[in-house]
Structure formats: C-alpha cells, structure tokens
Amino acid sequence: MTGAIDVSQPSEFHPLGAGALLATVVLICIGIGALIGAAFGSVGIGIAAGAMAGVPASVAAVIFRYRDGV
C-alpha cells in the first residue's frame, strides 16, 4: 500500500550561499580592519581586529538572511 506523500515547500536555506555569505562578510571586515590599521600604523593588528569582528558579524548576517528559511 502506498500512501499519498505530503510535499511541502522546499527549504529556502542554501548551504553554499550561507558559506559564501560567511566568507564575504569576514573578508570585508578584514579589509576594513586593514584600512583602519594602516591609518593608525599597524596593518597586522587591524587585520586581526577585523577578523575578530568579522566572525560574529558573518554569523549575524547568515542568521538575518536565512531566519525564515529553516
């Protein structure tokens, strides 16, 4: 006996898109950090600070983008 299959709407979450968004936001934050660091005389510290700020910013961006899709 085969029953009817309930087909729901496909998920709006795309793992590849989420990963690309994570990487993009982190790289943008690193770039901004490098620019600010260069303005104050230490590019390396700016890159490190940008990376530290970029991780939570990228996670927040993915949550904001895909909050209704999961």
C-alpha atoms as a PDB file:
ATOM      1  CA  MET A   1       0.000   0.000   0.000  1.00  0.00           C
ATOM      2  CA  THR A   2       1.316   3.364  -0.925  1.00  0.00           C
ATOM      3  CA  GLY A   3       0.021   6.468   0.729  1.00  0.00           C
ATOM      4  CA  ALA A   4      -0.065   9.991  -0.515  1.00  0.00           C
ATOM      5  CA  ILE A   5       3.167  11.854   0.011  1.00  0.00           C
ATOM      6  CA  ASP A   6       2.811  15.277   1.555  1.00  0.00           C
ATOM      7  CA  VAL A   7       5.089  17.559  -0.420  1.00  0.00           C
ATOM      8  CA  SER A   8       5.881  20.687   1.495  1.00  0.00           C
ATOM      9  CA  GLN A   9       7.596  23.743   0.118  1.00  0.00           C
ATOM     10  CA  PRO A  10      11.337  23.341  -0.362  1.00  0.00           C
ATOM     11  CA  SER A  11      13.641  24.915   2.162  1.00  0.00           C
ATOM     12  CA  GLU A  12      14.966  28.391   1.443  1.00  0.00           C
ATOM     13  CA  PHE A  13      18.285  27.565   3.145  1.00  0.00           C
ATOM     14  CA  HIS A  14      21.189  27.065   0.741  1.00  0.00           C
ATOM     15  CA  PRO A  15      24.402  25.881   2.461  1.00  0.00           C
ATOM     16  CA  LEU A  16      26.652  27.069  -0.369  1.00  0.00           C
ATOM     17  CA  GLY A  17      25.078  30.521  -0.267  1.00  0.00           C
ATOM     18  CA  ALA A  18      25.401  30.658   3.505  1.00  0.00           C
ATOM     19  CA  GLY A  19      29.079  29.722   3.304  1.00  0.00           C
ATOM     20  CA  ALA A  20      29.712  32.330   0.638  1.00  0.00           C
ATOM     21  CA  LEU A  21      27.970  34.948   2.763  1.00  0.00           C
ATOM     22  CA  LEU A  22      30.092  33.966   5.778  1.00  0.00           C
ATOM     23  CA  ALA A  23      33.325  34.242   3.798  1.00  0.00           C
ATOM     24  CA  THR A  24      32.332  37.514   2.136  1.00  0.00           C
ATOM     25  CA  VAL A  25      31.429  39.269   5.366  1.00  0.00           C
ATOM     26  CA  VAL A  26      34.621  38.070   7.086  1.00  0.00           C
ATOM     27  CA  LEU A  27      36.775  39.243   4.176  1.00  0.00           C
ATOM     28  CA  ILE A  28      35.050  42.624   4.058  1.00  0.00           C
ATOM     29  CA  CYS A  29      35.628  43.065   7.798  1.00  0.00           C
ATOM     30  CA  ILE A  30      39.283  42.064   7.416  1.00  0.00           C
ATOM     31  CA  GLY A  31      39.676  44.612   4.607  1.00  0.00           C
ATOM     32  CA  ILE A  32      38.084  47.372   6.662  1.00  0.00           C
ATOM     33  CA  GLY A  33      40.241  46.407   9.627  1.00  0.00           C
ATOM     34  CA  ALA A  34      43.362  46.532   7.443  1.00  0.00           C
ATOM     35  CA  LEU A  35      42.444  50.016   6.217  1.00  0.00           C
ATOM     36  CA  ILE A  36      41.827  51.269   9.741  1.00  0.00           C
ATOM     37  CA  GLY A  37      45.022  49.590  10.921  1.00  0.00           C
ATOM     38  CA  ALA A  38      47.004  51.222   8.115  1.00  0.00           C
ATOM     39  CA  ALA A  39      45.608  54.600   9.095  1.00  0.00           C
ATOM     40  CA  PHE A  40      46.840  54.072  12.651  1.00  0.00           C
ATOM     41  CA  GLY A  41      50.164  52.500  11.694  1.00  0.00           C
ATOM     42  CA  SER A  42      49.662  48.750  12.212  1.00  0.00           C
ATOM     43  CA  VAL A  43      48.066  46.778   9.392  1.00  0.00           C
ATOM     44  CA  GLY A  44      48.575  43.454  11.185  1.00  0.00           C
ATOM     45  CA  ILE A  45      46.608  44.497  14.244  1.00  0.00           C
ATOM     46  CA  GLY A  46      43.896  45.906  12.000  1.00  0.00           C
ATOM     47  CA  ILE A  47      43.633  42.606  10.133  1.00  0.00           C
ATOM     48  CA  ALA A  48      43.404  40.674  13.411  1.00  0.00           C
ATOM     49  CA  ALA A  49      40.759  43.022  14.774  1.00  0.00           C
ATOM     50  CA  GLY A  50      38.815  42.829  11.521  1.00  0.00           C
ATOM     51  CA  ALA A  51      38.870  39.038  11.623  1.00  0.00           C
ATOM     52  CA  MET A  52      37.697  39.010  15.229  1.00  0.00           C
ATOM     53  CA  ALA A  53      34.844  41.371  14.404  1.00  0.00           C
ATOM     54  CA  GLY A  54      34.066  39.567  11.142  1.00  0.00           C
ATOM     55  CA  VAL A  55      33.214  36.193  12.646  1.00  0.00           C
ATOM     56  CA  PRO A  56      30.225  37.321  14.745  1.00  0.00           C
ATOM     57  CA  ALA A  57      29.206  39.782  12.018  1.00  0.00           C
ATOM     58  CA  SER A  58      29.134  36.994   9.430  1.00  0.00           C
ATOM     59  CA  VAL A  59      27.122  34.702  11.687  1.00  0.00           C
ATOM     60  CA  ALA A  60      24.652  37.529  12.291  1.00  0.00           C
ATOM     61  CA  ALA A  61      24.425  38.153   8.535  1.00  0.00           C
ATOM     62  CA  VAL A  62      23.594  34.491   7.851  1.00  0.00           C
ATOM     63  CA  ILE A  63      21.009  34.418  10.628  1.00  0.00           C
ATOM     64  CA  PHE A  64      19.442  37.617   9.293  1.00  0.00           C
ATOM     65  CA  ARG A  65      19.444  36.340   5.701  1.00  0.00           C
ATOM     66  CA  TYR A  66      18.096  32.845   6.403  1.00  0.00           C
ATOM     67  CA  ARG A  67      15.959  33.443   9.504  1.00  0.00           C
ATOM     68  CA  ASP A  68      12.740  32.403   7.748  1.00  0.00           C
ATOM     69  CA  GLY A  69      14.190  29.675   5.545  1.00  0.00           C
ATOM     70  CA  VAL A  70      14.904  26.914   8.020  1.00  0.00           C
END
